[in-house]
Amino acid sequence: MDPAMELTERKFRHWCRLVESHTGITVSDCWADFARRRMVEHQSFSRQPEDSGESLQALVDRLLIKETRFFRHPPSFNYVARVLSGDSDVSESDSQPEPPSGFSLWSVGCASGEEAYSLAMLSEQLCQAGKLSSPFRLLATDLSRSALDIARRGEYLRSRLRHLNAMQQGWFESAGDKFLRVGATLKKRVVFAQHNLLDPLPGKTFDVIFCQNLLVYVAPTRRKMLLEKLAGALKPAGRLILAPGEFFGTPPKVLIRDRCDPAVLAYRRSPNPARGH
């Protein structure tokens, strides 16, 4: 083997271990080639892999695939709307029929903000329809600084909003010929912050945690641990919504699978931790 290629492989594996230890992200075989190309694009990764500070953050930004869109999985958003409005089909005897005034949501792995703003639109529409108490708070977190910069600006290509209905598009204002900008009313509802799920939780509890297409980056051995952390951030009877097919194992005992819609992977936190799923 060419010594240079051998060295490159060592550096690649070094970065993979470093990224996993700091973020929980595992570079699996199915996207190793993609990860290698991303590392090669930034020459500092091949020259000085030991300098982990800003270089590690830049690498994480490159590795995270920011593919997302508004209302990406409609059944999941419909489920959230039913939960927040107190729909009897998704309410349990020990749940509250409607979240109290000041209800809260957390968009975990929000990428460039489309998911968080979708949740904000949905919640605002419920408030305006009198189906939900207001105000609400929505925390949106991600590892990627560059994605969060886009989210905070709230400017998106018009082509990415074509599938939204007229009411949903009404939350945006023009930002030139090619872009639309999230309006001030909606933007003030969302707080964006950088957060690593391996770090301590935000210190608040939530009525709804929306965490889709994040666990696929995490080694299977870590997934249940992260679910336990997320369950700890739920209020009693709060809901955790994952992407379909994202988790196949046995969930923490405090999480009860909600099977009201087979297209949605959702769990309800039991008020009694002793109860199973």
C-alpha atoms as a PDB file:
ATOM      1  CA  MET A   1       0.000   0.000   0.000  1.00  0.00           C
ATOM      2  CA  ASP A   2       1.179   3.494  -0.830  1.00  0.00           C
ATOM      3  CA  PRO A   3       2.478   5.080   2.453  1.00  0.00           C
ATOM      4  CA  ALA A   4       0.526   8.235   1.684  1.00  0.00           C
ATOM      5  CA  MET A   5      -2.689   6.239   1.257  1.00  0.00           C
ATOM      6  CA  GLU A   6      -1.983   4.330   4.469  1.00  0.00           C
ATOM      7  CA  LEU A   7      -1.454   7.603   6.309  1.00  0.00           C
ATOM      8  CA  THR A   8      -4.675   8.982   4.833  1.00  0.00           C
ATOM      9  CA  GLU A   9      -6.552   5.935   6.078  1.00  0.00           C
ATOM     10  CA  ARG A  10      -5.096   6.377   9.564  1.00  0.00           C
ATOM     11  CA  LYS A  11      -6.144  10.014   9.592  1.00  0.00           C
ATOM     12  CA  PHE A  12      -9.594   9.100   8.335  1.00  0.00           C
ATOM     13  CA  ARG A  13     -10.088   6.565  11.136  1.00  0.00           C
ATOM     14  CA  HIS A  14      -8.671   9.024  13.650  1.00  0.00           C
ATOM     15  CA  TRP A  15     -11.222  11.637  12.645  1.00  0.00           C
ATOM     16  CA  CYS A  16     -14.028   9.086  12.727  1.00  0.00           C
ATOM     17  CA  ARG A  17     -13.131   8.151  16.312  1.00  0.00           C
ATOM     18  CA  LEU A  18     -12.774  11.802  17.298  1.00  0.00           C
ATOM     19  CA  VAL A  19     -16.138  12.762  15.823  1.00  0.00           C
ATOM     20  CA  GLU A  20     -17.895   9.839  17.506  1.00  0.00           C
ATOM     21  CA  SER A  21     -16.353  10.509  20.914  1.00  0.00           C
ATOM     22  CA  HIS A  22     -17.322  14.193  20.827  1.00  0.00           C
ATOM     23  CA  THR A  23     -20.727  14.005  19.135  1.00  0.00           C
ATOM     24  CA  GLY A  24     -21.982  10.416  19.108  1.00  0.00           C
ATOM     25  CA  ILE A  25     -22.058  10.491  15.293  1.00  0.00           C
ATOM     26  CA  THR A  26     -20.837   7.218  13.810  1.00  0.00           C
ATOM     27  CA  VAL A  27     -19.407   7.093  10.304  1.00  0.00           C
ATOM     28  CA  SER A  28     -20.933   3.797   9.210  1.00  0.00           C
ATOM     29  CA  ASP A  29     -19.785   1.827   6.172  1.00  0.00           C
ATOM     30  CA  CYS A  30     -22.762   2.995   4.111  1.00  0.00           C
ATOM     31  CA  TRP A  31     -21.580   6.608   4.138  1.00  0.00           C
ATOM     32  CA  ALA A  32     -17.827   6.196   4.705  1.00  0.00           C
ATOM     33  CA  ASP A  33     -17.050   7.236   1.116  1.00  0.00           C
ATOM     34  CA  PHE A  34     -19.132  10.395   1.531  1.00  0.00           C
ATOM     35  CA  ALA A  35     -17.372  11.193   4.820  1.00  0.00           C
ATOM     36  CA  ARG A  36     -13.949  10.641   3.262  1.00  0.00           C
ATOM     37  CA  ARG A  37     -14.740  13.041   0.414  1.00  0.00           C
ATOM     38  CA  ARG A  38     -15.868  15.670   2.904  1.00  0.00           C
ATOM     39  CA  MET A  39     -12.627  15.329   4.847  1.00  0.00           C
ATOM     40  CA  VAL A  40     -10.495  15.566   1.730  1.00  0.00           C
ATOM     41  CA  GLU A  41     -12.304  18.769   0.708  1.00  0.00           C
ATOM     42  CA  HIS A  42     -10.836  20.515   3.711  1.00  0.00           C
ATOM     43  CA  GLN A  43      -7.075  20.189   3.480  1.00  0.00           C
ATOM     44  CA  SER A  44      -6.493  20.888   7.167  1.00  0.00           C
ATOM     45  CA  PHE A  45      -8.093  17.556   8.028  1.00  0.00           C
ATOM     46  CA  SER A  46      -5.333  15.637   6.257  1.00  0.00           C
ATOM     47  CA  ARG A  47      -2.523  17.870   7.568  1.00  0.00           C
ATOM     48  CA  GLN A  48      -3.364  18.392  11.232  1.00  0.00           C
ATOM     49  CA  PRO A  49      -5.970  15.905  12.470  1.00  0.00           C
ATOM     50  CA  GLU A  50      -4.887  16.348  16.092  1.00  0.00           C
ATOM     51  CA  ASP A  51      -6.170  19.950  16.312  1.00  0.00           C
ATOM     52  CA  SER A  52      -9.736  19.221  17.272  1.00  0.00           C
ATOM     53  CA  GLY A  53     -11.229  22.648  18.085  1.00  0.00           C
ATOM     54  CA  GLU A  54     -12.526  24.611  15.108  1.00  0.00           C
ATOM     55  CA  SER A  55     -11.391  21.906  12.697  1.00  0.00           C
ATOM     56  CA  LEU A  56     -13.642  19.366  14.415  1.00  0.00           C
ATOM     57  CA  GLN A  57     -16.601  21.754  14.260  1.00  0.00           C
ATOM     58  CA  ALA A  58     -15.946  22.389  10.568  1.00  0.00           C
ATOM     59  CA  LEU A  59     -15.782  18.647   9.955  1.00  0.00           C
ATOM     60  CA  VAL A  60     -19.081  18.072  11.757  1.00  0.00           C
ATOM     61  CA  ASP A  61     -20.665  20.793   9.613  1.00  0.00           C
ATOM     62  CA  ARG A  62     -19.464  19.005   6.495  1.00  0.00           C
ATOM     63  CA  LEU A  63     -20.508  15.540   7.633  1.00  0.00           C
ATOM     64  CA  LEU A  64     -24.066  16.359   8.645  1.00  0.00           C
ATOM     65  CA  ILE A  65     -26.393  16.004   5.678  1.00  0.00           C
ATOM     66  CA  LYS A  66     -28.738  18.964   5.904  1.00  0.00           C
ATOM     67  CA  GLU A  67     -31.400  17.529   3.584  1.00  0.00           C
ATOM     68  CA  THR A  68     -34.744  18.648   4.951  1.00  0.00           C
ATOM     69  CA  ARG A  69     -37.891  20.473   3.899  1.00  0.00           C
ATOM     70  CA  PHE A  70     -40.993  22.062   5.345  1.00  0.00           C
ATOM     71  CA  PHE A  71     -43.476  19.494   6.706  1.00  0.00           C
ATOM     72  CA  ARG A  72     -41.137  16.735   5.563  1.00  0.00           C
ATOM     73  CA  HIS A  73     -43.269  13.877   6.939  1.00  0.00           C
ATOM     74  CA  PRO A  74     -46.895  15.094   6.915  1.00  0.00           C
ATOM     75  CA  PRO A  75     -48.323  12.247   9.062  1.00  0.00           C
ATOM     76  CA  SER A  76     -45.949  13.196  11.896  1.00  0.00           C
ATOM     77  CA  PHE A  77     -47.000  16.844  11.783  1.00  0.00           C
ATOM     78  CA  ASN A  78     -50.670  15.841  11.636  1.00  0.00           C
ATOM     79  CA  TYR A  79     -50.049  13.741  14.730  1.00  0.00           C
ATOM     80  CA  VAL A  80     -48.518  16.722  16.561  1.00  0.00           C
ATOM     81  CA  ALA A  81     -51.534  18.844  15.633  1.00  0.00           C
ATOM     82  CA  ARG A  82     -53.883  16.209  17.038  1.00  0.00           C
ATOM     83  CA  VAL A  83     -51.873  15.917  20.243  1.00  0.00           C
ATOM     84  CA  LEU A  84     -51.729  19.664  20.812  1.00  0.00           C
ATOM     85  CA  SER A  85     -55.418  20.172  20.077  1.00  0.00           C
ATOM     86  CA  GLY A  86     -56.439  17.415  22.510  1.00  0.00           C
ATOM     87  CA  ASP A  87     -57.780  14.959  19.910  1.00  0.00           C
ATOM     88  CA  SER A  88     -59.381  12.084  21.829  1.00  0.00           C
ATOM     89  CA  ASP A  89     -57.856   9.506  19.460  1.00  0.00           C
ATOM     90  CA  VAL A  90     -54.358  10.329  20.695  1.00  0.00           C
ATOM     91  CA  SER A  91     -55.202  11.381  24.258  1.00  0.00           C
ATOM     92  CA  GLU A  92     -54.894   8.931  27.147  1.00  0.00           C
ATOM     93  CA  SER A  93     -56.800   8.858  30.394  1.00  0.00           C
ATOM     94  CA  ASP A  94     -53.752  10.117  32.259  1.00  0.00           C
ATOM     95  CA  SER A  95     -52.931  12.826  29.697  1.00  0.00           C
ATOM     96  CA  GLN A  96     -54.132  16.351  29.764  1.00  0.00           C
ATOM     97  CA  PRO A  97     -56.799  17.018  27.094  1.00  0.00           C
ATOM     98  CA  GLU A  98     -54.911  20.131  26.039  1.00  0.00           C
ATOM     99  CA  PRO A  99     -51.448  21.431  26.929  1.00  0.00           C
ATOM    100  CA  PRO A 100     -51.544  24.246  29.468  1.00  0.00           C
ATOM    101  CA  SER A 101     -50.866  27.839  28.580  1.00  0.00           C
ATOM    102  CA  GLY A 102     -47.192  28.168  27.801  1.00  0.00           C
ATOM    103  CA  PHE A 103     -46.792  24.732  26.209  1.00  0.00           C
ATOM    104  CA  SER A 104     -43.377  23.923  24.780  1.00  0.00           C
ATOM    105  CA  LEU A 105     -41.818  22.047  21.875  1.00  0.00           C
ATOM    106  CA  TRP A 106     -38.261  20.992  21.091  1.00  0.00           C
ATOM    107  CA  SER A 107     -37.043  20.388  17.545  1.00  0.00           C
ATOM    108  CA  VAL A 108     -33.925  18.212  17.951  1.00  0.00           C
ATOM    109  CA  GLY A 109     -31.534  18.199  15.011  1.00  0.00           C
ATOM    110  CA  CYS A 110     -33.388  21.070  13.360  1.00  0.00           C
ATOM    111  CA  ALA A 111     -30.816  21.484  10.548  1.00  0.00           C
ATOM    112  CA  SER A 112     -31.531  24.662   8.549  1.00  0.00           C
ATOM    113  CA  GLY A 113     -34.791  25.386  10.354  1.00  0.00           C
ATOM    114  CA  GLU A 114     -37.540  24.047   8.094  1.00  0.00           C
ATOM    115  CA  GLU A 115     -38.724  21.532  10.695  1.00  0.00           C
ATOM    116  CA  ALA A 116     -38.815  24.088  13.502  1.00  0.00           C
ATOM    117  CA  TYR A 117     -40.673  26.675  11.452  1.00  0.00           C
ATOM    118  CA  SER A 118     -43.127  23.975  10.342  1.00  0.00           C
ATOM    119  CA  LEU A 119     -43.896  23.218  13.987  1.00  0.00           C
ATOM    120  CA  ALA A 120     -44.245  26.935  14.684  1.00  0.00           C
ATOM    121  CA  MET A 121     -46.662  27.383  11.772  1.00  0.00           C
ATOM    122  CA  LEU A 122     -48.743  24.445  12.929  1.00  0.00           C
ATOM    123  CA  SER A 123     -48.862  25.725  16.515  1.00  0.00           C
ATOM    124  CA  GLU A 124     -49.709  29.290  15.514  1.00  0.00           C
ATOM    125  CA  GLN A 125     -52.545  28.078  13.311  1.00  0.00           C
ATOM    126  CA  LEU A 126     -53.967  26.043  16.203  1.00  0.00           C
ATOM    127  CA  CYS A 127     -53.726  29.081  18.471  1.00  0.00           C
ATOM    128  CA  GLN A 128     -55.484  31.296  15.946  1.00  0.00           C
ATOM    129  CA  ALA A 129     -58.213  28.683  15.513  1.00  0.00           C
ATOM    130  CA  GLY A 130     -58.809  28.672  19.267  1.00  0.00           C
ATOM    131  CA  LYS A 131     -57.743  25.030  19.590  1.00  0.00           C
ATOM    132  CA  LEU A 132     -54.652  25.750  21.644  1.00  0.00           C
ATOM    133  CA  SER A 133     -53.595  28.034  24.438  1.00  0.00           C
ATOM    134  CA  SER A 134     -51.057  30.717  23.652  1.00  0.00           C
ATOM    135  CA  PRO A 135     -48.245  31.624  24.036  1.00  0.00           C
ATOM    136  CA  PHE A 136     -45.978  28.690  23.286  1.00  0.00           C
ATOM    137  CA  ARG A 137     -42.206  28.339  23.155  1.00  0.00           C
ATOM    138  CA  LEU A 138     -40.205  26.350  20.637  1.00  0.00           C
ATOM    139  CA  LEU A 139     -36.546  25.442  21.092  1.00  0.00           C
ATOM    140  CA  ALA A 140     -34.679  24.254  17.987  1.00  0.00           C
ATOM    141  CA  THR A 141     -31.188  22.786  18.323  1.00  0.00           C
ATOM    142  CA  ASP A 142     -28.526  21.343  16.062  1.00  0.00           C
ATOM    143  CA  LEU A 143     -24.821  20.515  16.085  1.00  0.00           C
ATOM    144  CA  SER A 144     -24.081  22.404  12.888  1.00  0.00           C
ATOM    145  CA  ARG A 145     -23.256  26.099  13.164  1.00  0.00           C
ATOM    146  CA  SER A 146     -23.669  26.680   9.448  1.00  0.00           C
ATOM    147  CA  ALA A 147     -27.135  25.100   9.459  1.00  0.00           C
ATOM    148  CA  LEU A 148     -28.169  27.219  12.441  1.00  0.00           C
ATOM    149  CA  ASP A 149     -26.972  30.367  10.657  1.00  0.00           C
ATOM    150  CA  ILE A 150     -29.373  29.566   7.812  1.00  0.00           C
ATOM    151  CA  ALA A 151     -32.160  28.800  10.270  1.00  0.00           C
ATOM    152  CA  ARG A 152     -31.749  32.103  12.100  1.00  0.00           C
ATOM    153  CA  ARG A 153     -31.812  34.056   8.839  1.00  0.00           C
ATOM    154  CA  GLY A 154     -34.993  32.242   7.881  1.00  0.00           C
ATOM    155  CA  GLU A 155     -34.575  32.830   4.144  1.00  0.00           C
ATOM    156  CA  TYR A 156     -35.426  30.015   1.737  1.00  0.00           C
ATOM    157  CA  LEU A 157     -35.655  29.580  -2.020  1.00  0.00           C
ATOM    158  CA  ARG A 158     -39.184  30.099  -3.270  1.00  0.00           C
ATOM    159  CA  SER A 159     -38.948  26.716  -4.985  1.00  0.00           C
ATOM    160  CA  ARG A 160     -38.634  25.025  -1.579  1.00  0.00           C
ATOM    161  CA  LEU A 161     -41.986  26.443  -0.480  1.00  0.00           C
ATOM    162  CA  ARG A 162     -44.056  25.620  -3.549  1.00  0.00           C
ATOM    163  CA  HIS A 163     -45.670  22.606  -1.876  1.00  0.00           C
ATOM    164  CA  LEU A 164     -46.999  24.719   1.018  1.00  0.00           C
ATOM    165  CA  ASN A 165     -50.638  25.763   0.967  1.00  0.00           C
ATOM    166  CA  ALA A 166     -51.713  29.407   0.817  1.00  0.00           C
ATOM    167  CA  MET A 167     -52.170  29.695   4.581  1.00  0.00           C
ATOM    168  CA  GLN A 168     -48.689  28.320   5.242  1.00  0.00           C
ATOM    169  CA  GLN A 169     -47.094  30.561   2.620  1.00  0.00           C
ATOM    170  CA  GLY A 170     -48.761  33.497   4.332  1.00  0.00           C
ATOM    171  CA  TRP A 171     -46.209  33.249   7.146  1.00  0.00           C
ATOM    172  CA  PHE A 172     -43.469  34.368   4.733  1.00  0.00           C
ATOM    173  CA  GLU A 173     -42.550  37.685   3.143  1.00  0.00           C
ATOM    174  CA  SER A 174     -40.640  38.458  -0.020  1.00  0.00           C
ATOM    175  CA  ALA A 175     -36.842  38.590   0.171  1.00  0.00           C
ATOM    176  CA  GLY A 176     -36.014  39.266  -3.453  1.00  0.00           C
ATOM    177  CA  ASP A 177     -36.880  37.426  -6.642  1.00  0.00           C
ATOM    178  CA  LYS A 178     -35.661  33.999  -5.534  1.00  0.00           C
ATOM    179  CA  PHE A 179     -36.171  33.956  -1.765  1.00  0.00           C
ATOM    180  CA  LEU A 180     -38.899  34.167   0.852  1.00  0.00           C
ATOM    181  CA  ARG A 181     -38.231  35.116   4.469  1.00  0.00           C
ATOM    182  CA  VAL A 182     -39.969  33.831   7.587  1.00  0.00           C
ATOM    183  CA  GLY A 183     -42.093  36.668   8.952  1.00  0.00           C
ATOM    184  CA  ALA A 184     -41.341  38.322  12.279  1.00  0.00           C
ATOM    185  CA  THR A 185     -44.431  36.881  13.990  1.00  0.00           C
ATOM    186  CA  LEU A 186     -43.301  33.322  13.365  1.00  0.00           C
ATOM    187  CA  LYS A 187     -39.586  33.935  13.793  1.00  0.00           C
ATOM    188  CA  LYS A 188     -39.961  35.314  17.309  1.00  0.00           C
ATOM    189  CA  ARG A 189     -41.602  32.050  18.386  1.00  0.00           C
ATOM    190  CA  VAL A 190     -38.461  29.994  17.735  1.00  0.00           C
ATOM    191  CA  VAL A 191     -35.183  30.044  19.650  1.00  0.00           C
ATOM    192  CA  PHE A 192     -32.260  28.408  17.826  1.00  0.00           C
ATOM    193  CA  ALA A 193     -29.275  27.099  19.775  1.00  0.00           C
ATOM    194  CA  GLN A 194     -26.295  24.839  19.214  1.00  0.00           C
ATOM    195  CA  HIS A 195     -26.568  21.689  21.295  1.00  0.00           C
ATOM    196  CA  ASN A 196     -24.894  18.291  21.425  1.00  0.00           C
ATOM    197  CA  LEU A 197     -27.130  15.487  22.705  1.00  0.00           C
ATOM    198  CA  LEU A 198     -24.129  14.043  24.537  1.00  0.00           C
ATOM    199  CA  ASP A 199     -24.089  17.229  26.635  1.00  0.00           C
ATOM    200  CA  PRO A 200     -26.516  17.950  29.503  1.00  0.00           C
ATOM    201  CA  LEU A 201     -30.108  18.605  28.458  1.00  0.00           C
ATOM    202  CA  PRO A 202     -31.413  22.185  28.112  1.00  0.00           C
ATOM    203  CA  GLY A 203     -32.769  22.144  31.686  1.00  0.00           C
ATOM    204  CA  LYS A 204     -36.419  22.423  30.649  1.00  0.00           C
ATOM    205  CA  THR A 205     -39.162  19.908  29.987  1.00  0.00           C
ATOM    206  CA  PHE A 206     -41.338  19.800  26.900  1.00  0.00           C
ATOM    207  CA  ASP A 207     -44.826  18.789  25.832  1.00  0.00           C
ATOM    208  CA  VAL A 208     -43.544  17.639  22.433  1.00  0.00           C
ATOM    209  CA  ILE A 209     -40.056  16.602  21.315  1.00  0.00           C
ATOM    210  CA  PHE A 210     -39.678  16.222  17.548  1.00  0.00           C
ATOM    211  CA  CYS A 211     -36.517  14.281  16.692  1.00  0.00           C
ATOM    212  CA  GLN A 212     -36.474  12.875  13.174  1.00  0.00           C
ATOM    213  CA  ASN A 213     -33.592  11.554  11.052  1.00  0.00           C
ATOM    214  CA  LEU A 214     -31.018  12.082  13.786  1.00  0.00           C
ATOM    215  CA  LEU A 215     -30.661   8.613  15.315  1.00  0.00           C
ATOM    216  CA  VAL A 216     -29.525   7.268  11.935  1.00  0.00           C
ATOM    217  CA  TYR A 217     -26.210   9.035  12.588  1.00  0.00           C
ATOM    218  CA  VAL A 218     -25.803   7.341  15.959  1.00  0.00           C
ATOM    219  CA  ALA A 219     -24.416   3.869  16.663  1.00  0.00           C
ATOM    220  CA  PRO A 220     -27.197   1.396  17.582  1.00  0.00           C
ATOM    221  CA  THR A 221     -25.588   0.885  20.991  1.00  0.00           C
ATOM    222  CA  ARG A 222     -26.075   4.586  21.795  1.00  0.00           C
ATOM    223  CA  ARG A 223     -29.612   5.022  20.517  1.00  0.00           C
ATOM    224  CA  LYS A 224     -31.456   3.752  23.570  1.00  0.00           C
ATOM    225  CA  MET A 225     -29.256   5.915  25.804  1.00  0.00           C
ATOM    226  CA  LEU A 226     -30.222   8.982  23.780  1.00  0.00           C
ATOM    227  CA  LEU A 227     -33.893   7.991  23.930  1.00  0.00           C
ATOM    228  CA  GLU A 228     -33.598   7.813  27.712  1.00  0.00           C
ATOM    229  CA  LYS A 229     -32.174  11.337  27.741  1.00  0.00           C
ATOM    230  CA  LEU A 230     -34.960  12.629  25.531  1.00  0.00           C
ATOM    231  CA  ALA A 231     -37.572  10.877  27.670  1.00  0.00           C
ATOM    232  CA  GLY A 232     -36.124  12.702  30.660  1.00  0.00           C
ATOM    233  CA  ALA A 233     -36.821  15.999  28.906  1.00  0.00           C
ATOM    234  CA  LEU A 234     -40.521  15.216  28.404  1.00  0.00           C
ATOM    235  CA  LYS A 235     -43.271  16.397  30.691  1.00  0.00           C
ATOM    236  CA  PRO A 236     -45.573  13.645  32.011  1.00  0.00           C
ATOM    237  CA  ALA A 237     -47.709  12.470  29.056  1.00  0.00           C
ATOM    238  CA  GLY A 238     -45.426  14.419  26.701  1.00  0.00           C
ATOM    239  CA  ARG A 239     -44.779  13.040  23.218  1.00  0.00           C
ATOM    240  CA  LEU A 240     -41.579  12.041  21.437  1.00  0.00           C
ATOM    241  CA  ILE A 241     -41.850  11.769  17.653  1.00  0.00           C
ATOM    242  CA  LEU A 242     -39.142   9.958  15.673  1.00  0.00           C
ATOM    243  CA  ALA A 243     -38.882   9.287  11.945  1.00  0.00           C
ATOM    244  CA  PRO A 244     -40.563   6.080  10.741  1.00  0.00           C
ATOM    245  CA  GLY A 245     -38.166   3.146  10.901  1.00  0.00           C
ATOM    246  CA  GLU A 246     -35.605   5.111  12.896  1.00  0.00           C
ATOM    247  CA  PHE A 247     -35.710   2.891  15.989  1.00  0.00           C
ATOM    248  CA  PHE A 248     -36.518  -0.837  16.139  1.00  0.00           C
ATOM    249  CA  GLY A 249     -35.346  -1.760  19.632  1.00  0.00           C
ATOM    250  CA  THR A 250     -37.110  -1.831  22.969  1.00  0.00           C
ATOM    251  CA  PRO A 251     -37.637   1.743  24.170  1.00  0.00           C
ATOM    252  CA  PRO A 252     -37.020   2.896  27.740  1.00  0.00           C
ATOM    253  CA  LYS A 253     -39.789   1.705  30.072  1.00  0.00           C
ATOM    254  CA  VAL A 254     -41.022   5.236  30.655  1.00  0.00           C
ATOM    255  CA  LEU A 255     -41.931   5.551  26.953  1.00  0.00           C
ATOM    256  CA  ILE A 256     -45.191   4.011  25.740  1.00  0.00           C
ATOM    257  CA  ARG A 257     -45.623   3.496  21.993  1.00  0.00           C
ATOM    258  CA  ASP A 258     -48.572   5.421  20.590  1.00  0.00           C
ATOM    259  CA  ARG A 259     -50.046   3.313  17.795  1.00  0.00           C
ATOM    260  CA  CYS A 260     -52.920   5.565  16.741  1.00  0.00           C
ATOM    261  CA  ASP A 261     -51.321   6.016  13.296  1.00  0.00           C
ATOM    262  CA  PRO A 262     -49.128   3.235  11.815  1.00  0.00           C
ATOM    263  CA  ALA A 263     -47.326   5.817   9.658  1.00  0.00           C
ATOM    264  CA  VAL A 264     -46.023   7.650  12.743  1.00  0.00           C
ATOM    265  CA  LEU A 265     -43.356   6.530  15.207  1.00  0.00           C
ATOM    266  CA  ALA A 266     -44.364   8.265  18.433  1.00  0.00           C
ATOM    267  CA  TYR A 267     -44.023   7.601  22.149  1.00  0.00           C
ATOM    268  CA  ARG A 268     -45.839   9.002  25.163  1.00  0.00           C
ATOM    269  CA  ARG A 269     -44.048   9.489  28.448  1.00  0.00           C
ATOM    270  CA  SER A 270     -45.852   7.645  31.200  1.00  0.00           C
ATOM    271  CA  PRO A 271     -46.522   9.613  34.398  1.00  0.00           C
ATOM    272  CA  ASN A 272     -45.599   6.394  36.206  1.00  0.00           C
ATOM    273  CA  PRO A 273     -42.062   5.207  35.286  1.00  0.00           C
ATOM    274  CA  ALA A 274     -42.938   1.702  36.452  1.00  0.00           C
ATOM    275  CA  ARG A 275     -45.339   1.233  33.549  1.00  0.00           C
ATOM    276  CA  GLY A 276     -44.047  -0.525  30.477  1.00  0.00           C
ATOM    277  CA  HIS A 277     -44.484   0.090  26.763  1.00  0.00           C
END
